[in-house]
Structure formats: C-alpha cells, structure tokens
Amino acid sequence: MKCLLCLMFLLSAIAASSQEPAVPPPHDSQPLPRDEQPLPRSQRPVPGIEPRMPPDTAAPANTLSTEEVRAAIDDKLAGEPALRGTGIRASVTEKTVVLTGTVESDQQHELALRIASSYAGDREIVDDIETRTKL
C-alpha cells in the first residue's frame, strides 16, 4: 500500500513538472512611443497644485509687456525705503531697461540695479544712475 501511494505521488510530481509553463498571449500592438507612455505615479500631476519647472528648463523670456515691466520696476523702486528720495526711474523697451536718477551711496546703486534685474527678463540693463560724492 505504501509503495502504491509513493508511486502515485511520484507520477503526479512528474506529470506536474512536464506541463508547459503558462505563456502570456502575444501582443498584437506595438509598444507605445516613449513620449506616449504613462507617467510613473510619482511624476503624475496633482490636481490643485501648480507643477514646478524642471531645473534644466529656463523660464519664459519677457513674459511681461514693456509697460508692465516699467510699472513693476518703478513701483518697487518707489516703495523701497532705502531708495526714498532718489528719484530713480526706469525706461523700458523690448530689449533694454534704462535706469536714471541720482543716489547717495553704492549700496543704493546696487539695490536699484538688483530691483531692475529682477523684472527685466532678457532685457539688457543700461545703468545711467549717478552716485553723489560726499565732500
């Protein structure tokens, strides 16, 4: 009886190992191109959250009009306590931002240039600011 039981077990083991492995059915369609493949979960957009630009992507150039740039620079210059009374003004074209006026120190001069640069985009900064020398 034990021999018969062992023989049946041995035959069932051989039968199980001789079956062909399950092969998935062949695909009729070609793989999706790389730019059409679904994004991994970690890269999918989240509703309600603005996506950030990748670090290797430059910000769009000159997204503000010349008038918007001029107004933004003039407002920031006028609102900066360290530049009060200097009368620095900005003239803006599609290619340049021209700063004019007179300051008392190099620190005020640098601050005015930084403010203009922060709104200029790709425009060139033309520095026509004069620094008064104290006697």
N, C-alpha and C. Protein backbone atom coordinates (compact mmCIF):
# COMPACT_ATOMS: atom_id res chain seq x y z
N MET A 1 0.81 -1.18 0.00
CA MET A 1 0.00 0.00 0.00
C MET A 1 0.87 1.26 0.00
N LYS A 2 1.91 1.25 0.84
CA LYS A 2 2.80 2.39 0.89
C LYS A 2 3.50 2.57 -0.45
N CYS A 3 3.86 1.49 -1.07
CA CYS A 3 4.53 1.58 -2.37
C CYS A 3 3.59 2.17 -3.41
N LEU A 4 2.34 1.76 -3.38
CA LEU A 4 1.36 2.28 -4.33
C LEU A 4 1.15 3.77 -4.12
N LEU A 5 1.10 4.22 -2.89
CA LEU A 5 0.92 5.63 -2.56
C LEU A 5 2.15 6.43 -3.02
N CYS A 6 3.35 5.92 -2.80
CA CYS A 6 4.57 6.59 -3.24
C CYS A 6 4.64 6.66 -4.76
N LEU A 7 4.22 5.60 -5.42
CA LEU A 7 4.22 5.57 -6.88
C LEU A 7 3.26 6.61 -7.43
N MET A 8 2.08 6.75 -6.84
CA MET A 8 1.10 7.75 -7.30
C MET A 8 1.64 9.16 -7.08
N PHE A 9 2.30 9.38 -5.94
CA PHE A 9 2.86 10.69 -5.65
C PHE A 9 3.96 11.03 -6.65
N LEU A 10 4.82 10.07 -6.95
CA LEU A 10 5.90 10.25 -7.90
C LEU A 10 5.37 10.54 -9.30
N LEU A 11 4.35 9.83 -9.74
CA LEU A 11 3.75 10.06 -11.06
C LEU A 11 3.10 11.44 -11.15
N SER A 12 2.44 11.87 -10.09
CA SER A 12 1.79 13.19 -10.12
C SER A 12 2.85 14.30 -10.15
N ALA A 13 3.97 14.10 -9.47
CA ALA A 13 5.04 15.10 -9.48
C ALA A 13 5.65 15.20 -10.87
N ILE A 14 5.85 14.05 -11.52
CA ILE A 14 6.41 14.05 -12.88
C ILE A 14 5.44 14.70 -13.85
N ALA A 15 4.18 14.42 -13.72
CA ALA A 15 3.16 14.99 -14.61
C ALA A 15 3.09 16.50 -14.44
N ALA A 16 3.20 16.96 -13.22
CA ALA A 16 3.12 18.40 -12.96
C ALA A 16 4.33 19.13 -13.53
N SER A 17 5.50 18.54 -13.44
CA SER A 17 6.71 19.21 -13.92
C SER A 17 6.82 19.15 -15.44
N SER A 18 6.13 18.24 -16.08
CA SER A 18 6.24 18.13 -17.54
C SER A 18 5.28 19.06 -18.27
N GLN A 19 4.38 19.72 -17.56
CA GLN A 19 3.45 20.65 -18.23
C GLN A 19 4.22 21.88 -18.69
N GLU A 20 3.82 22.43 -19.82
CA GLU A 20 4.46 23.63 -20.35
C GLU A 20 4.09 24.81 -19.47
N PRO A 21 5.02 25.73 -19.24
CA PRO A 21 4.70 26.91 -18.43
C PRO A 21 3.69 27.79 -19.16
N ALA A 22 2.91 28.51 -18.37
CA ALA A 22 1.91 29.41 -18.95
C ALA A 22 2.61 30.56 -19.66
N VAL A 23 2.30 30.80 -20.89
CA VAL A 23 2.90 31.86 -21.69
C VAL A 23 1.82 32.90 -21.94
N PRO A 24 2.14 34.16 -21.66
CA PRO A 24 1.12 35.17 -21.94
C PRO A 24 0.83 35.23 -23.43
N PRO A 25 -0.39 35.58 -23.77
CA PRO A 25 -0.74 35.65 -25.20
C PRO A 25 0.10 36.72 -25.89
N PRO A 26 0.41 36.52 -27.15
CA PRO A 26 1.22 37.52 -27.86
C PRO A 26 0.45 38.83 -28.01
N HIS A 27 1.20 39.93 -27.98
CA HIS A 27 0.58 41.25 -28.14
C HIS A 27 0.47 41.57 -29.62
N ASP A 28 -0.69 42.06 -29.99
CA ASP A 28 -0.89 42.45 -31.38
C ASP A 28 -0.39 43.87 -31.64
N SER A 29 -0.34 44.69 -30.57
CA SER A 29 0.05 46.09 -30.76
C SER A 29 1.52 46.29 -30.41
N GLN A 30 2.11 47.31 -31.00
CA GLN A 30 3.49 47.68 -30.74
C GLN A 30 3.55 48.46 -29.41
N PRO A 31 4.69 48.46 -28.73
CA PRO A 31 4.80 49.25 -27.51
C PRO A 31 4.62 50.74 -27.82
N LEU A 32 4.10 51.48 -26.83
CA LEU A 32 3.88 52.92 -27.01
C LEU A 32 5.21 53.64 -27.15
N PRO A 33 5.26 54.70 -27.97
CA PRO A 33 6.47 55.51 -28.02
C PRO A 33 6.75 56.10 -26.64
N ARG A 34 7.98 56.46 -26.39
CA ARG A 34 8.39 56.95 -25.06
C ARG A 34 7.57 58.15 -24.61
N ASP A 35 7.28 59.08 -25.52
CA ASP A 35 6.53 60.28 -25.11
C ASP A 35 5.04 60.01 -24.89
N GLU A 36 4.55 58.82 -25.22
CA GLU A 36 3.14 58.49 -25.00
C GLU A 36 2.94 57.49 -23.88
N GLN A 37 4.01 57.03 -23.26
CA GLN A 37 3.88 56.07 -22.18
C GLN A 37 3.35 56.79 -20.94
N PRO A 38 2.56 56.08 -20.12
CA PRO A 38 2.03 56.74 -18.93
C PRO A 38 3.15 57.10 -17.96
N LEU A 39 2.96 58.23 -17.26
CA LEU A 39 3.95 58.68 -16.29
C LEU A 39 3.94 57.80 -15.05
N PRO A 40 5.09 57.63 -14.42
CA PRO A 40 5.09 56.92 -13.14
C PRO A 40 4.27 57.71 -12.12
N ARG A 41 3.76 57.05 -11.15
CA ARG A 41 2.88 57.68 -10.17
C ARG A 41 3.52 58.91 -9.52
N SER A 42 4.82 58.85 -9.26
CA SER A 42 5.50 59.96 -8.60
C SER A 42 5.60 61.20 -9.49
N GLN A 43 5.40 61.06 -10.81
CA GLN A 43 5.51 62.19 -11.73
C GLN A 43 4.18 62.67 -12.26
N ARG A 44 3.09 62.05 -11.84
CA ARG A 44 1.77 62.46 -12.33
C ARG A 44 1.38 63.79 -11.70
N PRO A 45 0.69 64.66 -12.44
CA PRO A 45 0.26 65.94 -11.87
C PRO A 45 -0.77 65.73 -10.76
N VAL A 46 -0.69 66.57 -9.75
CA VAL A 46 -1.63 66.52 -8.64
C VAL A 46 -2.63 67.64 -8.83
N PRO A 47 -3.94 67.33 -8.84
CA PRO A 47 -4.94 68.38 -9.03
C PRO A 47 -4.81 69.45 -7.94
N GLY A 48 -4.88 70.71 -8.36
CA GLY A 48 -4.83 71.82 -7.42
C GLY A 48 -3.44 72.29 -7.07
N ILE A 49 -2.38 71.61 -7.55
CA ILE A 49 -1.01 72.02 -7.26
C ILE A 49 -0.33 72.35 -8.58
N GLU A 50 0.22 73.55 -8.64
CA GLU A 50 0.90 74.02 -9.84
C GLU A 50 2.20 73.24 -10.03
N PRO A 51 2.42 72.61 -11.18
CA PRO A 51 3.68 71.87 -11.38
C PRO A 51 4.87 72.82 -11.45
N ARG A 52 6.01 72.39 -10.93
CA ARG A 52 7.24 73.18 -10.99
C ARG A 52 8.00 72.84 -12.26
N MET A 53 8.77 73.81 -12.73
CA MET A 53 9.58 73.58 -13.92
C MET A 53 10.81 72.77 -13.52
N PRO A 54 11.21 71.83 -14.34
CA PRO A 54 12.43 71.09 -14.05
C PRO A 54 13.62 72.05 -13.99
N PRO A 55 14.65 71.73 -13.21
CA PRO A 55 15.77 72.65 -13.06
C PRO A 55 16.51 72.96 -14.35
N ASP A 56 16.42 72.10 -15.35
CA ASP A 56 17.13 72.36 -16.60
C ASP A 56 16.28 73.12 -17.61
N THR A 57 15.14 73.62 -17.19
CA THR A 57 14.25 74.34 -18.09
C THR A 57 14.30 75.83 -17.74
N ALA A 58 14.54 76.66 -18.72
CA ALA A 58 14.60 78.10 -18.50
C ALA A 58 13.19 78.68 -18.44
N ALA A 59 13.04 79.72 -17.65
CA ALA A 59 11.76 80.41 -17.56
C ALA A 59 11.51 81.13 -18.89
N PRO A 60 10.24 81.30 -19.24
CA PRO A 60 9.94 82.02 -20.48
C PRO A 60 10.49 83.44 -20.41
N ALA A 61 11.05 83.90 -21.50
CA ALA A 61 11.65 85.22 -21.54
C ALA A 61 10.60 86.29 -21.83
N ASN A 62 10.79 87.47 -21.22
CA ASN A 62 9.94 88.63 -21.48
C ASN A 62 8.45 88.30 -21.44
N THR A 63 8.00 87.72 -20.36
CA THR A 63 6.59 87.39 -20.27
C THR A 63 5.74 88.61 -19.96
N LEU A 64 6.35 89.69 -19.45
CA LEU A 64 5.63 90.92 -19.18
C LEU A 64 5.83 91.91 -20.33
N SER A 65 4.83 92.73 -20.56
CA SER A 65 4.96 93.76 -21.60
C SER A 65 5.91 94.84 -21.11
N THR A 66 6.35 95.70 -22.01
CA THR A 66 7.27 96.77 -21.63
C THR A 66 6.64 97.68 -20.58
N GLU A 67 5.38 97.97 -20.73
CA GLU A 67 4.69 98.84 -19.76
C GLU A 67 4.56 98.16 -18.41
N GLU A 68 4.28 96.86 -18.41
CA GLU A 68 4.18 96.12 -17.14
C GLU A 68 5.53 96.07 -16.43
N VAL A 69 6.60 95.89 -17.19
CA VAL A 69 7.94 95.87 -16.60
C VAL A 69 8.27 97.24 -16.02
N ARG A 70 8.01 98.30 -16.79
CA ARG A 70 8.30 99.65 -16.31
C ARG A 70 7.54 99.96 -15.03
N ALA A 71 6.24 99.63 -15.03
CA ALA A 71 5.42 99.89 -13.85
C ALA A 71 5.90 99.09 -12.65
N ALA A 72 6.25 97.83 -12.85
CA ALA A 72 6.71 96.99 -11.74
C ALA A 72 8.02 97.52 -11.16
N ILE A 73 8.95 97.91 -12.02
CA ILE A 73 10.24 98.43 -11.54
C ILE A 73 10.03 99.76 -10.82
N ASP A 74 9.28 100.68 -11.43
CA ASP A 74 9.04 101.98 -10.80
C ASP A 74 8.33 101.83 -9.46
N ASP A 75 7.34 100.93 -9.38
CA ASP A 75 6.62 100.72 -8.11
C ASP A 75 7.56 100.18 -7.04
N LYS A 76 8.40 99.22 -7.40
CA LYS A 76 9.32 98.63 -6.43
C LYS A 76 10.37 99.65 -6.00
N LEU A 77 10.89 100.44 -6.95
CA LEU A 77 11.88 101.48 -6.60
C LEU A 77 11.26 102.53 -5.68
N ALA A 78 10.04 102.96 -5.98
CA ALA A 78 9.37 103.98 -5.17
C ALA A 78 9.01 103.44 -3.78
N GLY A 79 8.72 102.14 -3.69
CA GLY A 79 8.33 101.56 -2.41
C GLY A 79 9.47 101.10 -1.54
N GLU A 80 10.69 101.15 -2.05
CA GLU A 80 11.86 100.70 -1.29
C GLU A 80 12.34 101.82 -0.37
N PRO A 81 12.26 101.63 0.96
CA PRO A 81 12.65 102.70 1.89
C PRO A 81 14.10 103.17 1.70
N ALA A 82 15.00 102.28 1.35
CA ALA A 82 16.40 102.67 1.18
C ALA A 82 16.61 103.57 -0.04
N LEU A 83 15.64 103.61 -0.95
CA LEU A 83 15.78 104.43 -2.16
C LEU A 83 14.87 105.66 -2.15
N ARG A 84 14.25 105.93 -1.00
CA ARG A 84 13.33 107.07 -0.90
C ARG A 84 14.09 108.37 -1.18
N GLY A 85 13.51 109.20 -2.03
CA GLY A 85 14.09 110.49 -2.35
C GLY A 85 15.14 110.47 -3.45
N THR A 86 15.41 109.32 -4.02
CA THR A 86 16.43 109.25 -5.07
C THR A 86 15.88 109.62 -6.44
N GLY A 87 14.61 109.42 -6.67
CA GLY A 87 14.01 109.74 -7.96
C GLY A 87 14.47 108.85 -9.10
N ILE A 88 14.89 107.64 -8.79
CA ILE A 88 15.32 106.72 -9.85
C ILE A 88 14.10 106.29 -10.66
N ARG A 89 14.26 106.33 -11.98
CA ARG A 89 13.17 105.96 -12.90
C ARG A 89 13.68 104.92 -13.89
N ALA A 90 12.74 104.17 -14.44
CA ALA A 90 13.08 103.16 -15.45
C ALA A 90 12.38 103.49 -16.76
N SER A 91 13.11 103.38 -17.85
CA SER A 91 12.57 103.46 -19.20
C SER A 91 12.77 102.09 -19.81
N VAL A 92 11.71 101.51 -20.37
CA VAL A 92 11.78 100.12 -20.83
C VAL A 92 11.42 100.02 -22.30
N THR A 93 12.23 99.26 -23.05
CA THR A 93 11.90 98.87 -24.43
C THR A 93 11.89 97.35 -24.46
N GLU A 94 11.68 96.79 -25.64
CA GLU A 94 11.67 95.33 -25.77
C GLU A 94 13.04 94.72 -25.47
N LYS A 95 14.11 95.52 -25.64
CA LYS A 95 15.45 94.97 -25.46
C LYS A 95 16.21 95.53 -24.27
N THR A 96 15.80 96.69 -23.72
CA THR A 96 16.57 97.32 -22.66
C THR A 96 15.70 97.85 -21.53
N VAL A 97 16.34 98.01 -20.36
CA VAL A 97 15.78 98.74 -19.23
C VAL A 97 16.84 99.78 -18.88
N VAL A 98 16.48 101.07 -19.02
CA VAL A 98 17.42 102.16 -18.73
C VAL A 98 17.03 102.77 -17.39
N LEU A 99 17.98 102.77 -16.45
CA LEU A 99 17.75 103.37 -15.14
C LEU A 99 18.43 104.73 -15.09
N THR A 100 17.69 105.76 -14.63
CA THR A 100 18.23 107.10 -14.49
C THR A 100 17.89 107.62 -13.10
N GLY A 101 18.71 108.55 -12.62
CA GLY A 101 18.50 109.14 -11.31
C GLY A 101 19.82 109.31 -10.60
N THR A 102 19.73 109.76 -9.35
CA THR A 102 20.92 110.01 -8.55
C THR A 102 20.75 109.37 -7.18
N VAL A 103 21.79 108.67 -6.72
CA VAL A 103 21.77 108.03 -5.41
C VAL A 103 22.91 108.59 -4.56
N GLU A 104 22.84 108.32 -3.25
CA GLU A 104 23.84 108.81 -2.31
C GLU A 104 24.98 107.81 -2.07
N SER A 105 24.74 106.51 -2.34
CA SER A 105 25.75 105.51 -1.99
C SER A 105 25.79 104.38 -3.01
N ASP A 106 26.86 103.61 -2.94
CA ASP A 106 27.00 102.42 -3.79
C ASP A 106 25.95 101.37 -3.43
N GLN A 107 25.58 101.30 -2.16
CA GLN A 107 24.56 100.33 -1.73
C GLN A 107 23.22 100.63 -2.40
N GLN A 108 22.85 101.92 -2.44
CA GLN A 108 21.60 102.30 -3.12
C GLN A 108 21.70 101.99 -4.61
N HIS A 109 22.84 102.23 -5.19
CA HIS A 109 23.07 101.97 -6.61
C HIS A 109 22.87 100.49 -6.90
N GLU A 110 23.52 99.62 -6.11
CA GLU A 110 23.40 98.17 -6.30
C GLU A 110 21.96 97.69 -6.09
N LEU A 111 21.28 98.25 -5.10
CA LEU A 111 19.90 97.87 -4.82
C LEU A 111 19.00 98.20 -6.02
N ALA A 112 19.17 99.38 -6.59
CA ALA A 112 18.36 99.77 -7.75
C ALA A 112 18.61 98.83 -8.93
N LEU A 113 19.87 98.46 -9.15
CA LEU A 113 20.19 97.54 -10.24
C LEU A 113 19.59 96.16 -10.01
N ARG A 114 19.63 95.70 -8.75
CA ARG A 114 19.03 94.39 -8.44
C ARG A 114 17.53 94.39 -8.67
N ILE A 115 16.87 95.45 -8.27
CA ILE A 115 15.41 95.54 -8.46
C ILE A 115 15.09 95.51 -9.95
N ALA A 116 15.80 96.30 -10.74
CA ALA A 116 15.55 96.32 -12.19
C ALA A 116 15.82 94.96 -12.81
N SER A 117 16.90 94.31 -12.40
CA SER A 117 17.25 93.00 -12.96
C SER A 117 16.19 91.95 -12.65
N SER A 118 15.54 92.07 -11.51
CA SER A 118 14.56 91.06 -11.13
C SER A 118 13.30 91.11 -12.00
N TYR A 119 13.05 92.21 -12.67
CA TYR A 119 11.88 92.32 -13.54
C TYR A 119 12.23 92.40 -15.03
N ALA A 120 13.49 92.56 -15.36
CA ALA A 120 13.90 92.83 -16.74
C ALA A 120 13.75 91.64 -17.67
N GLY A 121 13.77 90.43 -17.17
CA GLY A 121 13.74 89.26 -18.05
C GLY A 121 15.03 89.20 -18.85
N ASP A 122 14.92 89.09 -20.18
CA ASP A 122 16.09 89.03 -21.05
C ASP A 122 16.58 90.41 -21.48
N ARG A 123 15.92 91.45 -21.02
CA ARG A 123 16.31 92.80 -21.42
C ARG A 123 17.65 93.18 -20.78
N GLU A 124 18.43 93.96 -21.52
CA GLU A 124 19.71 94.46 -21.02
C GLU A 124 19.47 95.63 -20.07
N ILE A 125 20.20 95.68 -18.96
CA ILE A 125 20.10 96.80 -18.03
C ILE A 125 21.13 97.85 -18.43
N VAL A 126 20.66 99.07 -18.70
CA VAL A 126 21.54 100.19 -19.01
C VAL A 126 21.57 101.08 -17.77
N ASP A 127 22.75 101.21 -17.18
CA ASP A 127 22.92 101.91 -15.91
C ASP A 127 23.33 103.36 -16.14
N ASP A 128 22.36 104.28 -16.05
CA ASP A 128 22.64 105.72 -16.13
C ASP A 128 22.41 106.39 -14.78
N ILE A 129 22.59 105.65 -13.71
CA ILE A 129 22.42 106.19 -12.36
C ILE A 129 23.72 106.87 -11.94
N GLU A 130 23.58 108.07 -11.38
CA GLU A 130 24.74 108.81 -10.88
C GLU A 130 24.81 108.64 -9.36
N THR A 131 26.04 108.55 -8.84
CA THR A 131 26.26 108.48 -7.40
C THR A 131 26.87 109.79 -6.95
N ARG A 132 26.18 110.48 -6.01
CA ARG A 132 26.72 111.73 -5.46
C ARG A 132 27.89 111.42 -4.57
N THR A 133 28.91 112.22 -4.69
CA THR A 133 30.05 112.06 -3.80
C THR A 133 29.94 113.08 -2.67
N LYS A 134 30.11 112.60 -1.44
CA LYS A 134 30.02 113.50 -0.28
C LYS A 134 31.39 114.14 -0.06
N LEU A 135 31.36 115.44 0.14
CA LEU A 135 32.61 116.16 0.39
C LEU A 135 32.84 116.36 1.85
